[in-house]
Amino acid sequence: MSHRLPLILLLLCLPMWLAASYGVRYGLMEDAQWVGTCVEQAQLWQCQARSTLGLLIHFRVIAWIALGLALLAQVIPARTGWRVAVVALVVGIPALVLYSASLAVFAVVLAALRLVRRSS
């Protein structure tokens, strides 16, 4: 396996993850059809997911998890720290897209800095 293969796979998967995050934002959270549907039929799984995601956004849970993982990745050495930074980036991208950009930007930047840091 090539040394750069994990990085190449990451660079291929992150844009798809970003597109999926925008799909959730505009397809579920901001779509006007779900507002009316969820008022009438709140027990639908889509409405439950929308409600739960709304609470996670309101309390910035996703952004705080991403920031915690990014900070943790800074202190964990070697390959494990790199993997934790990838997870922080995967959690941080939806936090950026889903209305928590002020906090999530720090998590994404810290995770990206950890990903490019050379191991000693």
PDB file of N, CA and C in Angstrom:
ATOM      1  N   MET A   1       0.838  -1.174   0.000  1.00  0.00           N
ATOM      2  CA  MET A   1       0.000   0.000   0.000  1.00  0.00           C
ATOM      3  C   MET A   1       0.886   1.240   0.000  1.00  0.00           C
ATOM      4  N   SER A   2       0.525   2.184  -0.842  1.00  0.00           N
ATOM      5  CA  SER A   2       1.283   3.411  -0.966  1.00  0.00           C
ATOM      6  C   SER A   2       1.160   4.250   0.302  1.00  0.00           C
ATOM      7  N   HIS A   3       2.198   5.009   0.571  1.00  0.00           N
ATOM      8  CA  HIS A   3       2.215   5.878   1.747  1.00  0.00           C
ATOM      9  C   HIS A   3       1.180   6.998   1.614  1.00  0.00           C
ATOM     10  N   ARG A   4       0.894   7.407   0.400  1.00  0.00           N
ATOM     11  CA  ARG A   4      -0.021   8.517   0.160  1.00  0.00           C
ATOM     12  C   ARG A   4      -1.470   8.085  -0.087  1.00  0.00           C
ATOM     13  N   LEU A   5      -1.720   6.793  -0.146  1.00  0.00           N
ATOM     14  CA  LEU A   5      -3.063   6.308  -0.438  1.00  0.00           C
ATOM     15  C   LEU A   5      -4.109   6.773   0.573  1.00  0.00           C
ATOM     16  N   PRO A   6      -3.850   6.740   1.881  1.00  0.00           N
ATOM     17  CA  PRO A   6      -4.865   7.254   2.816  1.00  0.00           C
ATOM     18  C   PRO A   6      -5.185   8.734   2.596  1.00  0.00           C
ATOM     19  N   LEU A   7      -4.181   9.524   2.273  1.00  0.00           N
ATOM     20  CA  LEU A   7      -4.405  10.945   2.020  1.00  0.00           C
ATOM     21  C   LEU A   7      -5.208  11.153   0.741  1.00  0.00           C
ATOM     22  N   ILE A   8      -4.914  10.380  -0.276  1.00  0.00           N
ATOM     23  CA  ILE A   8      -5.660  10.481  -1.533  1.00  0.00           C
ATOM     24  C   ILE A   8      -7.117  10.081  -1.319  1.00  0.00           C
ATOM     25  N   LEU A   9      -7.342   9.006  -0.581  1.00  0.00           N
ATOM     26  CA  LEU A   9      -8.714   8.583  -0.285  1.00  0.00           C
ATOM     27  C   LEU A   9      -9.454   9.645   0.526  1.00  0.00           C
ATOM     28  N   LEU A  10      -8.762  10.252   1.458  1.00  0.00           N
ATOM     29  CA  LEU A  10      -9.368  11.314   2.256  1.00  0.00           C
ATOM     30  C   LEU A  10      -9.760  12.495   1.375  1.00  0.00           C
ATOM     31  N   LEU A  11      -8.882  12.881   0.478  1.00  0.00           N
ATOM     32  CA  LEU A  11      -9.176  14.004  -0.408  1.00  0.00           C
ATOM     33  C   LEU A  11     -10.292  13.690  -1.397  1.00  0.00           C
ATOM     34  N   LEU A  12     -10.523  12.432  -1.699  1.00  0.00           N
ATOM     35  CA  LEU A  12     -11.633  12.045  -2.556  1.00  0.00           C
ATOM     36  C   LEU A  12     -12.948  11.965  -1.781  1.00  0.00           C
ATOM     37  N   CYS A  13     -12.890  11.538  -0.539  1.00  0.00           N
ATOM     38  CA  CYS A  13     -14.107  11.341   0.255  1.00  0.00           C
ATOM     39  C   CYS A  13     -14.630  12.632   0.886  1.00  0.00           C
ATOM     40  N   LEU A  14     -13.750  13.565   1.226  1.00  0.00           N
ATOM     41  CA  LEU A  14     -14.198  14.789   1.891  1.00  0.00           C
ATOM     42  C   LEU A  14     -15.157  15.632   1.042  1.00  0.00           C
ATOM     43  N   PRO A  15     -14.933  15.804  -0.263  1.00  0.00           N
ATOM     44  CA  PRO A  15     -15.938  16.549  -1.044  1.00  0.00           C
ATOM     45  C   PRO A  15     -17.299  15.854  -1.102  1.00  0.00           C
ATOM     46  N   MET A  16     -17.298  14.530  -1.131  1.00  0.00           N
ATOM     47  CA  MET A  16     -18.575  13.811  -1.106  1.00  0.00           C
ATOM     48  C   MET A  16     -19.271  13.999   0.241  1.00  0.00           C
ATOM     49  N   TRP A  17     -18.505  14.003   1.316  1.00  0.00           N
ATOM     50  CA  TRP A  17     -19.063  14.214   2.642  1.00  0.00           C
ATOM     51  C   TRP A  17     -19.607  15.642   2.773  1.00  0.00           C
ATOM     52  N   LEU A  18     -18.907  16.595   2.176  1.00  0.00           N
ATOM     53  CA  LEU A  18     -19.375  17.979   2.169  1.00  0.00           C
ATOM     54  C   LEU A  18     -20.691  18.094   1.397  1.00  0.00           C
ATOM     55  N   ALA A  19     -20.774  17.436   0.257  1.00  0.00           N
ATOM     56  CA  ALA A  19     -22.010  17.459  -0.537  1.00  0.00           C
ATOM     57  C   ALA A  19     -23.156  16.793   0.225  1.00  0.00           C
ATOM     58  N   ALA A  20     -22.883  15.702   0.914  1.00  0.00           N
ATOM     59  CA  ALA A  20     -23.918  15.038   1.703  1.00  0.00           C
ATOM     60  C   ALA A  20     -24.391  15.937   2.845  1.00  0.00           C
ATOM     61  N   SER A  21     -23.477  16.665   3.453  1.00  0.00           N
ATOM     62  CA  SER A  21     -23.846  17.581   4.530  1.00  0.00           C
ATOM     63  C   SER A  21     -24.747  18.700   4.016  1.00  0.00           C
ATOM     64  N   TYR A  22     -24.418  19.232   2.834  1.00  0.00           N
ATOM     65  CA  TYR A  22     -25.280  20.249   2.238  1.00  0.00           C
ATOM     66  C   TYR A  22     -26.626  19.659   1.836  1.00  0.00           C
ATOM     67  N   GLY A  23     -26.645  18.395   1.429  1.00  0.00           N
ATOM     68  CA  GLY A  23     -27.902  17.731   1.118  1.00  0.00           C
ATOM     69  C   GLY A  23     -28.803  17.640   2.336  1.00  0.00           C
ATOM     70  N   VAL A  24     -28.222  17.319   3.478  1.00  0.00           N
ATOM     71  CA  VAL A  24     -28.998  17.269   4.719  1.00  0.00           C
ATOM     72  C   VAL A  24     -29.495  18.660   5.086  1.00  0.00           C
ATOM     73  N   ARG A  25     -28.645  19.649   4.922  1.00  0.00           N
ATOM     74  CA  ARG A  25     -29.047  21.010   5.293  1.00  0.00           C
ATOM     75  C   ARG A  25     -30.211  21.500   4.434  1.00  0.00           C
ATOM     76  N   TYR A  26     -30.046  21.416   3.107  1.00  0.00           N
ATOM     77  CA  TYR A  26     -31.066  21.975   2.231  1.00  0.00           C
ATOM     78  C   TYR A  26     -32.208  21.006   1.947  1.00  0.00           C
ATOM     79  N   GLY A  27     -31.979  19.720   2.065  1.00  0.00           N
ATOM     80  CA  GLY A  27     -33.023  18.754   1.799  1.00  0.00           C
ATOM     81  C   GLY A  27     -33.889  18.430   2.996  1.00  0.00           C
ATOM     82  N   LEU A  28     -33.341  18.545   4.197  1.00  0.00           N
ATOM     83  CA  LEU A  28     -34.094  18.177   5.389  1.00  0.00           C
ATOM     84  C   LEU A  28     -34.341  19.361   6.319  1.00  0.00           C
ATOM     85  N   MET A  29     -33.324  20.142   6.572  1.00  0.00           N
ATOM     86  CA  MET A  29     -33.461  21.192   7.579  1.00  0.00           C
ATOM     87  C   MET A  29     -34.153  22.453   7.034  1.00  0.00           C
ATOM     88  N   GLU A  30     -33.886  22.829   5.785  1.00  0.00           N
ATOM     89  CA  GLU A  30     -34.425  24.076   5.265  1.00  0.00           C
ATOM     90  C   GLU A  30     -35.558  23.898   4.266  1.00  0.00           C
ATOM     91  N   ASP A  31     -35.896  22.700   3.918  1.00  0.00           N
ATOM     92  CA  ASP A  31     -36.957  22.469   2.944  1.00  0.00           C
ATOM     93  C   ASP A  31     -38.313  22.761   3.577  1.00  0.00           C
ATOM     94  N   ALA A  32     -39.093  23.607   2.925  1.00  0.00           N
ATOM     95  CA  ALA A  32     -40.379  24.042   3.480  1.00  0.00           C
ATOM     96  C   ALA A  32     -41.390  22.900   3.592  1.00  0.00           C
ATOM     97  N   GLN A  33     -41.264  21.883   2.765  1.00  0.00           N
ATOM     98  CA  GLN A  33     -42.224  20.777   2.847  1.00  0.00           C
ATOM     99  C   GLN A  33     -42.152  20.060   4.187  1.00  0.00           C
ATOM    100  N   TRP A  34     -40.947  19.995   4.783  1.00  0.00           N
ATOM    101  CA  TRP A  34     -40.798  19.280   6.052  1.00  0.00           C
ATOM    102  C   TRP A  34     -41.405  20.045   7.209  1.00  0.00           C
ATOM    103  N   VAL A  35     -41.483  21.356   7.103  1.00  0.00           N
ATOM    104  CA  VAL A  35     -42.091  22.142   8.181  1.00  0.00           C
ATOM    105  C   VAL A  35     -43.562  21.760   8.312  1.00  0.00           C
ATOM    106  N   GLY A  36     -44.282  21.766   7.203  1.00  0.00           N
ATOM    107  CA  GLY A  36     -45.696  21.407   7.235  1.00  0.00           C
ATOM    108  C   GLY A  36     -45.924  19.953   7.576  1.00  0.00           C
ATOM    109  N   THR A  37     -45.106  19.083   7.006  1.00  0.00           N
ATOM    110  CA  THR A  37     -45.253  17.648   7.263  1.00  0.00           C
ATOM    111  C   THR A  37     -44.983  17.329   8.726  1.00  0.00           C
ATOM    112  N   CYS A  38     -43.978  17.940   9.296  1.00  0.00           N
ATOM    113  CA  CYS A  38     -43.616  17.626  10.679  1.00  0.00           C
ATOM    114  C   CYS A  38     -44.581  18.229  11.695  1.00  0.00           C
ATOM    115  N   VAL A  39     -45.330  19.257  11.291  1.00  0.00           N
ATOM    116  CA  VAL A  39     -46.362  19.772  12.178  1.00  0.00           C
ATOM    117  C   VAL A  39     -47.514  18.782  12.250  1.00  0.00           C
ATOM    118  N   GLU A  40     -47.852  18.191  11.103  1.00  0.00           N
ATOM    119  CA  GLU A  40     -48.981  17.262  11.042  1.00  0.00           C
ATOM    120  C   GLU A  40     -48.616  15.855  11.518  1.00  0.00           C
ATOM    121  N   GLN A  41     -47.439  15.370  11.140  1.00  0.00           N
ATOM    122  CA  GLN A  41     -47.037  13.990  11.437  1.00  0.00           C
ATOM    123  C   GLN A  41     -45.658  13.982  12.086  1.00  0.00           C
ATOM    124  N   ALA A  42     -45.616  14.359  13.329  1.00  0.00           N
ATOM    125  CA  ALA A  42     -44.335  14.489  14.032  1.00  0.00           C
ATOM    126  C   ALA A  42     -43.661  13.152  14.301  1.00  0.00           C
ATOM    127  N   GLN A  43     -44.364  12.047  14.135  1.00  0.00           N
ATOM    128  CA  GLN A  43     -43.796  10.732  14.441  1.00  0.00           C
ATOM    129  C   GLN A  43     -43.010  10.131  13.277  1.00  0.00           C
ATOM    130  N   LEU A  44     -43.002  10.775  12.116  1.00  0.00           N
ATOM    131  CA  LEU A  44     -42.200  10.274  11.004  1.00  0.00           C
ATOM    132  C   LEU A  44     -40.727  10.278  11.394  1.00  0.00           C
ATOM    133  N   TRP A  45     -39.979   9.278  10.903  1.00  0.00           N
ATOM    134  CA  TRP A  45     -38.567   9.207  11.284  1.00  0.00           C
ATOM    135  C   TRP A  45     -37.798  10.405  10.754  1.00  0.00           C
ATOM    136  N   GLN A  46     -38.214  10.956   9.604  1.00  0.00           N
ATOM    137  CA  GLN A  46     -37.545  12.141   9.069  1.00  0.00           C
ATOM    138  C   GLN A  46     -37.760  13.340   9.999  1.00  0.00           C
ATOM    139  N   CYS A  47     -38.962  13.443  10.549  1.00  0.00           N
ATOM    140  CA  CYS A  47     -39.255  14.539  11.474  1.00  0.00           C
ATOM    141  C   CYS A  47     -38.500  14.367  12.791  1.00  0.00           C
ATOM    142  N   GLN A  48     -38.386  13.132  13.244  1.00  0.00           N
ATOM    143  CA  GLN A  48     -37.621  12.864  14.466  1.00  0.00           C
ATOM    144  C   GLN A  48     -36.137  13.186  14.243  1.00  0.00           C
ATOM    145  N   ALA A  49     -35.609  12.798  13.078  1.00  0.00           N
ATOM    146  CA  ALA A  49     -34.213  13.105  12.757  1.00  0.00           C
ATOM    147  C   ALA A  49     -34.004  14.610  12.664  1.00  0.00           C
ATOM    148  N   ARG A  50     -34.959  15.298  12.045  1.00  0.00           N
ATOM    149  CA  ARG A  50     -34.870  16.752  11.906  1.00  0.00           C
ATOM    150  C   ARG A  50     -34.899  17.423  13.284  1.00  0.00           C
ATOM    151  N   SER A  51     -35.757  16.939  14.159  1.00  0.00           N
ATOM    152  CA  SER A  51     -35.857  17.501  15.496  1.00  0.00           C
ATOM    153  C   SER A  51     -34.579  17.261  16.310  1.00  0.00           C
ATOM    154  N   THR A  52     -34.075  16.041  16.251  1.00  0.00           N
ATOM    155  CA  THR A  52     -32.847  15.712  16.985  1.00  0.00           C
ATOM    156  C   THR A  52     -31.659  16.497  16.448  1.00  0.00           C
ATOM    157  N   LEU A  53     -31.560  16.583  15.141  1.00  0.00           N
ATOM    158  CA  LEU A  53     -30.474  17.354  14.533  1.00  0.00           C
ATOM    159  C   LEU A  53     -30.592  18.823  14.896  1.00  0.00           C
ATOM    160  N   GLY A  54     -31.809  19.319  14.964  1.00  0.00           N
ATOM    161  CA  GLY A  54     -32.016  20.706  15.378  1.00  0.00           C
ATOM    162  C   GLY A  54     -31.522  20.962  16.793  1.00  0.00           C
ATOM    163  N   LEU A  55     -31.762  20.019  17.690  1.00  0.00           N
ATOM    164  CA  LEU A  55     -31.256  20.167  19.056  1.00  0.00           C
ATOM    165  C   LEU A  55     -29.730  20.105  19.101  1.00  0.00           C
ATOM    166  N   LEU A  56     -29.148  19.191  18.326  1.00  0.00           N
ATOM    167  CA  LEU A  56     -27.683  19.102  18.277  1.00  0.00           C
ATOM    168  C   LEU A  56     -27.070  20.382  17.727  1.00  0.00           C
ATOM    169  N   ILE A  57     -27.744  20.987  16.754  1.00  0.00           N
ATOM    170  CA  ILE A  57     -27.259  22.249  16.190  1.00  0.00           C
ATOM    171  C   ILE A  57     -27.413  23.371  17.209  1.00  0.00           C
ATOM    172  N   HIS A  58     -28.567  23.425  17.853  1.00  0.00           N
ATOM    173  CA  HIS A  58     -28.841  24.508  18.804  1.00  0.00           C
ATOM    174  C   HIS A  58     -27.825  24.539  19.940  1.00  0.00           C
ATOM    175  N   PHE A  59     -27.498  23.384  20.467  1.00  0.00           N
ATOM    176  CA  PHE A  59     -26.545  23.319  21.571  1.00  0.00           C
ATOM    177  C   PHE A  59     -25.101  23.143  21.114  1.00  0.00           C
ATOM    178  N   ARG A  60     -24.876  23.194  19.807  1.00  0.00           N
ATOM    179  CA  ARG A  60     -23.541  23.102  19.192  1.00  0.00           C
ATOM    180  C   ARG A  60     -22.794  21.830  19.591  1.00  0.00           C
ATOM    181  N   VAL A  61     -23.504  20.768  19.758  1.00  0.00           N
ATOM    182  CA  VAL A  61     -22.908  19.502  20.181  1.00  0.00           C
ATOM    183  C   VAL A  61     -21.933  18.991  19.124  1.00  0.00           C
ATOM    184  N   ILE A  62     -22.321  19.062  17.868  1.00  0.00           N
ATOM    185  CA  ILE A  62     -21.470  18.558  16.789  1.00  0.00           C
ATOM    186  C   ILE A  62     -20.163  19.344  16.740  1.00  0.00           C
ATOM    187  N   ALA A  63     -20.255  20.656  16.856  1.00  0.00           N
ATOM    188  CA  ALA A  63     -19.047  21.494  16.804  1.00  0.00           C
ATOM    189  C   ALA A  63     -18.140  21.242  18.006  1.00  0.00           C
ATOM    190  N   TRP A  64     -18.718  21.072  19.187  1.00  0.00           N
ATOM    191  CA  TRP A  64     -17.903  20.807  20.373  1.00  0.00           C
ATOM    192  C   TRP A  64     -17.213  19.445  20.291  1.00  0.00           C
ATOM    193  N   ILE A  65     -17.911  18.453  19.752  1.00  0.00           N
ATOM    194  CA  ILE A  65     -17.285  17.136  19.575  1.00  0.00           C
ATOM    195  C   ILE A  65     -16.121  17.239  18.601  1.00  0.00           C
ATOM    196  N   ALA A  66     -16.327  17.956  17.497  1.00  0.00           N
ATOM    197  CA  ALA A  66     -15.254  18.127  16.512  1.00  0.00           C
ATOM    198  C   ALA A  66     -14.061  18.860  17.118  1.00  0.00           C
ATOM    199  N   LEU A  67     -14.328  19.897  17.893  1.00  0.00           N
ATOM    200  CA  LEU A  67     -13.236  20.648  18.511  1.00  0.00           C
ATOM    201  C   LEU A  67     -12.498  19.795  19.540  1.00  0.00           C
ATOM    202  N   GLY A  68     -13.220  19.038  20.323  1.00  0.00           N
ATOM    203  CA  GLY A  68     -12.578  18.146  21.294  1.00  0.00           C
ATOM    204  C   GLY A  68     -11.704  17.107  20.620  1.00  0.00           C
ATOM    205  N   LEU A  69     -12.210  16.522  19.541  1.00  0.00           N
ATOM    206  CA  LEU A  69     -11.409  15.534  18.808  1.00  0.00           C
ATOM    207  C   LEU A  69     -10.181  16.173  18.165  1.00  0.00           C
ATOM    208  N   ALA A  70     -10.340  17.380  17.636  1.00  0.00           N
ATOM    209  CA  ALA A  70      -9.201  18.065  17.018  1.00  0.00           C
ATOM    210  C   ALA A  70      -8.125  18.400  18.050  1.00  0.00           C
ATOM    211  N   LEU A  71      -8.538  18.825  19.226  1.00  0.00           N
ATOM    212  CA  LEU A  71      -7.565  19.102  20.285  1.00  0.00           C
ATOM    213  C   LEU A  71      -6.893  17.822  20.760  1.00  0.00           C
ATOM    214  N   LEU A  72      -7.669  16.764  20.853  1.00  0.00           N
ATOM    215  CA  LEU A  72      -7.113  15.470  21.250  1.00  0.00           C
ATOM    216  C   LEU A  72      -6.107  14.967  20.208  1.00  0.00           C
ATOM    217  N   ALA A  73      -6.400  15.191  18.949  1.00  0.00           N
ATOM    218  CA  ALA A  73      -5.494  14.751  17.883  1.00  0.00           C
ATOM    219  C   ALA A  73      -4.153  15.468  17.944  1.00  0.00           C
ATOM    220  N   GLN A  74      -4.142  16.677  18.499  1.00  0.00           N
ATOM    221  CA  GLN A  74      -2.884  17.424  18.595  1.00  0.00           C
ATOM    222  C   GLN A  74      -1.915  16.787  19.587  1.00  0.00           C
ATOM    223  N   VAL A  75      -2.434  16.096  20.577  1.00  0.00           N
ATOM    224  CA  VAL A  75      -1.557  15.554  21.611  1.00  0.00           C
ATOM    225  C   VAL A  75      -1.304  14.060  21.461  1.00  0.00           C
ATOM    226  N   ILE A  76      -2.099  13.383  20.642  1.00  0.00           N
ATOM    227  CA  ILE A  76      -1.877  11.956  20.422  1.00  0.00           C
ATOM    228  C   ILE A  76      -0.812  11.796  19.350  1.00  0.00           C
ATOM    229  N   PRO A  77       0.210  11.011  19.610  1.00  0.00           N
ATOM    230  CA  PRO A  77       1.311  10.912  18.651  1.00  0.00           C
ATOM    231  C   PRO A  77       1.013   9.958  17.492  1.00  0.00           C
ATOM    232  N   ALA A  78       1.797  10.128  16.457  1.00  0.00           N
ATOM    233  CA  ALA A  78       1.913   9.211  15.321  1.00  0.00           C
ATOM    234  C   ALA A  78       0.604   8.993  14.579  1.00  0.00           C
ATOM    235  N   ARG A  79       0.425   7.778  14.130  1.00  0.00           N
ATOM    236  CA  ARG A  79      -0.686   7.414  13.249  1.00  0.00           C
ATOM    237  C   ARG A  79      -2.047   7.533  13.933  1.00  0.00           C
ATOM    238  N   THR A  80      -2.100   7.259  15.209  1.00  0.00           N
ATOM    239  CA  THR A  80      -3.366   7.348  15.939  1.00  0.00           C
ATOM    240  C   THR A  80      -3.865   8.792  15.978  1.00  0.00           C
ATOM    241  N   GLY A  81      -2.974   9.726  16.190  1.00  0.00           N
ATOM    242  CA  GLY A  81      -3.347  11.137  16.167  1.00  0.00           C
ATOM    243  C   GLY A  81      -3.853  11.576  14.807  1.00  0.00           C
ATOM    244  N   TRP A  82      -3.255  11.028  13.750  1.00  0.00           N
ATOM    245  CA  TRP A  82      -3.701  11.330  12.396  1.00  0.00           C
ATOM    246  C   TRP A  82      -5.124  10.822  12.184  1.00  0.00           C
ATOM    247  N   ARG A  83      -5.392   9.633  12.678  1.00  0.00           N
ATOM    248  CA  ARG A  83      -6.737   9.056  12.531  1.00  0.00           C
ATOM    249  C   ARG A  83      -7.773   9.835  13.331  1.00  0.00           C
ATOM    250  N   VAL A  84      -7.413  10.282  14.515  1.00  0.00           N
ATOM    251  CA  VAL A  84      -8.335  11.094  15.309  1.00  0.00           C
ATOM    252  C   VAL A  84      -8.595  12.427  14.608  1.00  0.00           C
ATOM    253  N   ALA A  85      -7.581  12.975  13.957  1.00  0.00           N
ATOM    254  CA  ALA A  85      -7.761  14.218  13.197  1.00  0.00           C
ATOM    255  C   ALA A  85      -8.708  14.008  12.015  1.00  0.00           C
ATOM    256  N   VAL A  86      -8.644  12.844  11.388  1.00  0.00           N
ATOM    257  CA  VAL A  86      -9.573  12.537  10.289  1.00  0.00           C
ATOM    258  C   VAL A  86     -11.003  12.492  10.819  1.00  0.00           C
ATOM    259  N   VAL A  87     -11.191  11.862  11.962  1.00  0.00           N
ATOM    260  CA  VAL A  87     -12.527  11.799  12.556  1.00  0.00           C
ATOM    261  C   VAL A  87     -13.004  13.201  12.931  1.00  0.00           C
ATOM    262  N   ALA A  88     -12.108  14.023  13.463  1.00  0.00           N
ATOM    263  CA  ALA A  88     -12.467  15.404  13.799  1.00  0.00           C
ATOM    264  C   ALA A  88     -12.874  16.182  12.551  1.00  0.00           C
ATOM    265  N   LEU A  89     -12.190  15.941  11.457  1.00  0.00           N
ATOM    266  CA  LEU A  89     -12.540  16.603  10.200  1.00  0.00           C
ATOM    267  C   LEU A  89     -13.883  16.119   9.677  1.00  0.00           C
ATOM    268  N   VAL A  90     -14.132  14.828   9.794  1.00  0.00           N
ATOM    269  CA  VAL A  90     -15.409  14.262   9.343  1.00  0.00           C
ATOM    270  C   VAL A  90     -16.568  14.796  10.190  1.00  0.00           C
ATOM    271  N   VAL A  91     -16.360  15.015  11.462  1.00  0.00           N
ATOM    272  CA  VAL A  91     -17.402  15.576  12.321  1.00  0.00           C
ATOM    273  C   VAL A  91     -17.483  17.093  12.145  1.00  0.00           C
ATOM    274  N   GLY A  92     -16.359  17.731  11.875  1.00  0.00           N
ATOM    275  CA  GLY A  92     -16.326  19.187  11.765  1.00  0.00           C
ATOM    276  C   GLY A  92     -16.962  19.738  10.506  1.00  0.00           C
ATOM    277  N   ILE A  93     -16.905  18.992   9.420  1.00  0.00           N
ATOM    278  CA  ILE A  93     -17.486  19.495   8.170  1.00  0.00           C
ATOM    279  C   ILE A  93     -19.001  19.670   8.283  1.00  0.00           C
ATOM    280  N   PRO A  94     -19.751  18.687   8.790  1.00  0.00           N
ATOM    281  CA  PRO A  94     -21.182  18.949   8.974  1.00  0.00           C
ATOM    282  C   PRO A  94     -21.465  20.068   9.969  1.00  0.00           C
ATOM    283  N   ALA A  95     -20.605  20.216  10.965  1.00  0.00           N
ATOM    284  CA  ALA A  95     -20.791  21.311  11.916  1.00  0.00           C
ATOM    285  C   ALA A  95     -20.628  22.662  11.219  1.00  0.00           C
ATOM    286  N   LEU A  96     -19.703  22.744  10.276  1.00  0.00           N
ATOM    287  CA  LEU A  96     -19.550  23.972   9.496  1.00  0.00           C
ATOM    288  C   LEU A  96     -20.791  24.250   8.659  1.00  0.00           C
ATOM    289  N   VAL A  97     -21.296  23.227   8.020  1.00  0.00           N
ATOM    290  CA  VAL A  97     -22.430  23.380   7.122  1.00  0.00           C
ATOM    291  C   VAL A  97     -23.724  23.615   7.895  1.00  0.00           C
ATOM    292  N   LEU A  98     -23.858  22.990   9.044  1.00  0.00           N
ATOM    293  CA  LEU A  98     -25.105  23.038   9.798  1.00  0.00           C
ATOM    294  C   LEU A  98     -25.076  24.111  10.883  1.00  0.00           C
ATOM    295  N   TYR A  99     -24.799  25.334  10.503  1.00  0.00           N
ATOM    296  CA  TYR A  99     -25.043  26.518  11.332  1.00  0.00           C
ATOM    297  C   TYR A  99     -24.154  26.679  12.563  1.00  0.00           C
ATOM    298  N   SER A 100     -23.070  25.954  12.683  1.00  0.00           N
ATOM    299  CA  SER A 100     -22.171  26.116  13.834  1.00  0.00           C
ATOM    300  C   SER A 100     -20.774  26.523  13.371  1.00  0.00           C
ATOM    301  N   ALA A 101     -20.718  27.338  12.347  1.00  0.00           N
ATOM    302  CA  ALA A 101     -19.438  27.645  11.720  1.00  0.00           C
ATOM    303  C   ALA A 101     -18.476  28.385  12.638  1.00  0.00           C
ATOM    304  N   SER A 102     -18.978  29.220  13.540  1.00  0.00           N
ATOM    305  CA  SER A 102     -18.082  30.013  14.371  1.00  0.00           C
ATOM    306  C   SER A 102     -17.200  29.143  15.264  1.00  0.00           C
ATOM    307  N   LEU A 103     -17.703  28.041  15.719  1.00  0.00           N
ATOM    308  CA  LEU A 103     -16.927  27.139  16.566  1.00  0.00           C
ATOM    309  C   LEU A 103     -16.254  26.035  15.749  1.00  0.00           C
ATOM    310  N   ALA A 104     -16.947  25.555  14.739  1.00  0.00           N
ATOM    311  CA  ALA A 104     -16.450  24.426  13.961  1.00  0.00           C
ATOM    312  C   ALA A 104     -15.243  24.788  13.096  1.00  0.00           C
ATOM    313  N   VAL A 105     -15.111  26.044  12.749  1.00  0.00           N
ATOM    314  CA  VAL A 105     -13.969  26.425  11.920  1.00  0.00           C
ATOM    315  C   VAL A 105     -12.658  26.157  12.650  1.00  0.00           C
ATOM    316  N   PHE A 106     -12.625  26.347  13.953  1.00  0.00           N
ATOM    317  CA  PHE A 106     -11.417  26.051  14.723  1.00  0.00           C
ATOM    318  C   PHE A 106     -11.119  24.555  14.721  1.00  0.00           C
ATOM    319  N   ALA A 107     -12.162  23.758  14.827  1.00  0.00           N
ATOM    320  CA  ALA A 107     -11.976  22.308  14.809  1.00  0.00           C
ATOM    321  C   ALA A 107     -11.440  21.844  13.466  1.00  0.00           C
ATOM    322  N   VAL A 108     -11.979  22.368  12.390  1.00  0.00           N
ATOM    323  CA  VAL A 108     -11.538  21.948  11.053  1.00  0.00           C
ATOM    324  C   VAL A 108     -10.104  22.394  10.799  1.00  0.00           C
ATOM    325  N   VAL A 109      -9.774  23.600  11.193  1.00  0.00           N
ATOM    326  CA  VAL A 109      -8.405  24.092  10.993  1.00  0.00           C
ATOM    327  C   VAL A 109      -7.417  23.289  11.836  1.00  0.00           C
ATOM    328  N   LEU A 110      -7.743  23.032  13.096  1.00  0.00           N
ATOM    329  CA  LEU A 110      -6.850  22.231  13.945  1.00  0.00           C
ATOM    330  C   LEU A 110      -6.679  20.817  13.406  1.00  0.00           C
ATOM    331  N   ALA A 111      -7.761  20.221  12.947  1.00  0.00           N
ATOM    332  CA  ALA A 111      -7.672  18.871  12.386  1.00  0.00           C
ATOM    333  C   ALA A 111      -6.835  18.874  11.114  1.00  0.00           C
ATOM    334  N   ALA A 112      -7.032  19.870  10.272  1.00  0.00           N
ATOM    335  CA  ALA A 112      -6.244  19.947   9.036  1.00  0.00           C
ATOM    336  C   ALA A 112      -4.767  20.176   9.337  1.00  0.00           C
ATOM    337  N   LEU A 113      -4.478  20.992  10.329  1.00  0.00           N
ATOM    338  CA  LEU A 113      -3.077  21.205  10.712  1.00  0.00           C
ATOM    339  C   LEU A 113      -2.441  19.918  11.230  1.00  0.00           C
ATOM    340  N   ARG A 114      -3.212  19.140  11.949  1.00  0.00           N
ATOM    341  CA  ARG A 114      -2.681  17.858  12.435  1.00  0.00           C
ATOM    342  C   ARG A 114      -2.444  16.887  11.283  1.00  0.00           C
ATOM    343  N   LEU A 115      -3.308  16.951  10.276  1.00  0.00           N
ATOM    344  CA  LEU A 115      -3.142  16.047   9.137  1.00  0.00           C
ATOM    345  C   LEU A 115      -1.892  16.353   8.328  1.00  0.00           C
ATOM    346  N   VAL A 116      -1.496  17.600   8.250  1.00  0.00           N
ATOM    347  CA  VAL A 116      -0.319  17.944   7.454  1.00  0.00           C
ATOM    348  C   VAL A 116       0.955  17.988   8.279  1.00  0.00           C
ATOM    349  N   ARG A 117       0.855  17.850   9.597  1.00  0.00           N
ATOM    350  CA  ARG A 117       2.045  17.868  10.450  1.00  0.00           C
ATOM    351  C   ARG A 117       2.890  16.630  10.187  1.00  0.00           C
ATOM    352  N   ARG A 118       4.158  16.843  10.036  1.00  0.00           N
ATOM    353  CA  ARG A 118       5.083  15.747   9.789  1.00  0.00           C
ATOM    354  C   ARG A 118       5.379  15.024  11.089  1.00  0.00           C
ATOM    355  N   SER A 119       5.266  13.694  11.037  1.00  0.00           N
ATOM    356  CA  SER A 119       5.578  12.882  12.215  1.00  0.00           C
ATOM    357  C   SER A 119       7.083  12.830  12.420  1.00  0.00           C
ATOM    358  N   SER A 120       7.493  12.850  13.667  1.00  0.00           N
ATOM    359  CA  SER A 120       8.938  12.796  13.932  1.00  0.00           C
ATOM    360  C   SER A 120       9.417  11.404  14.183  1.00  0.00           C
TER     361      SER A 120
END
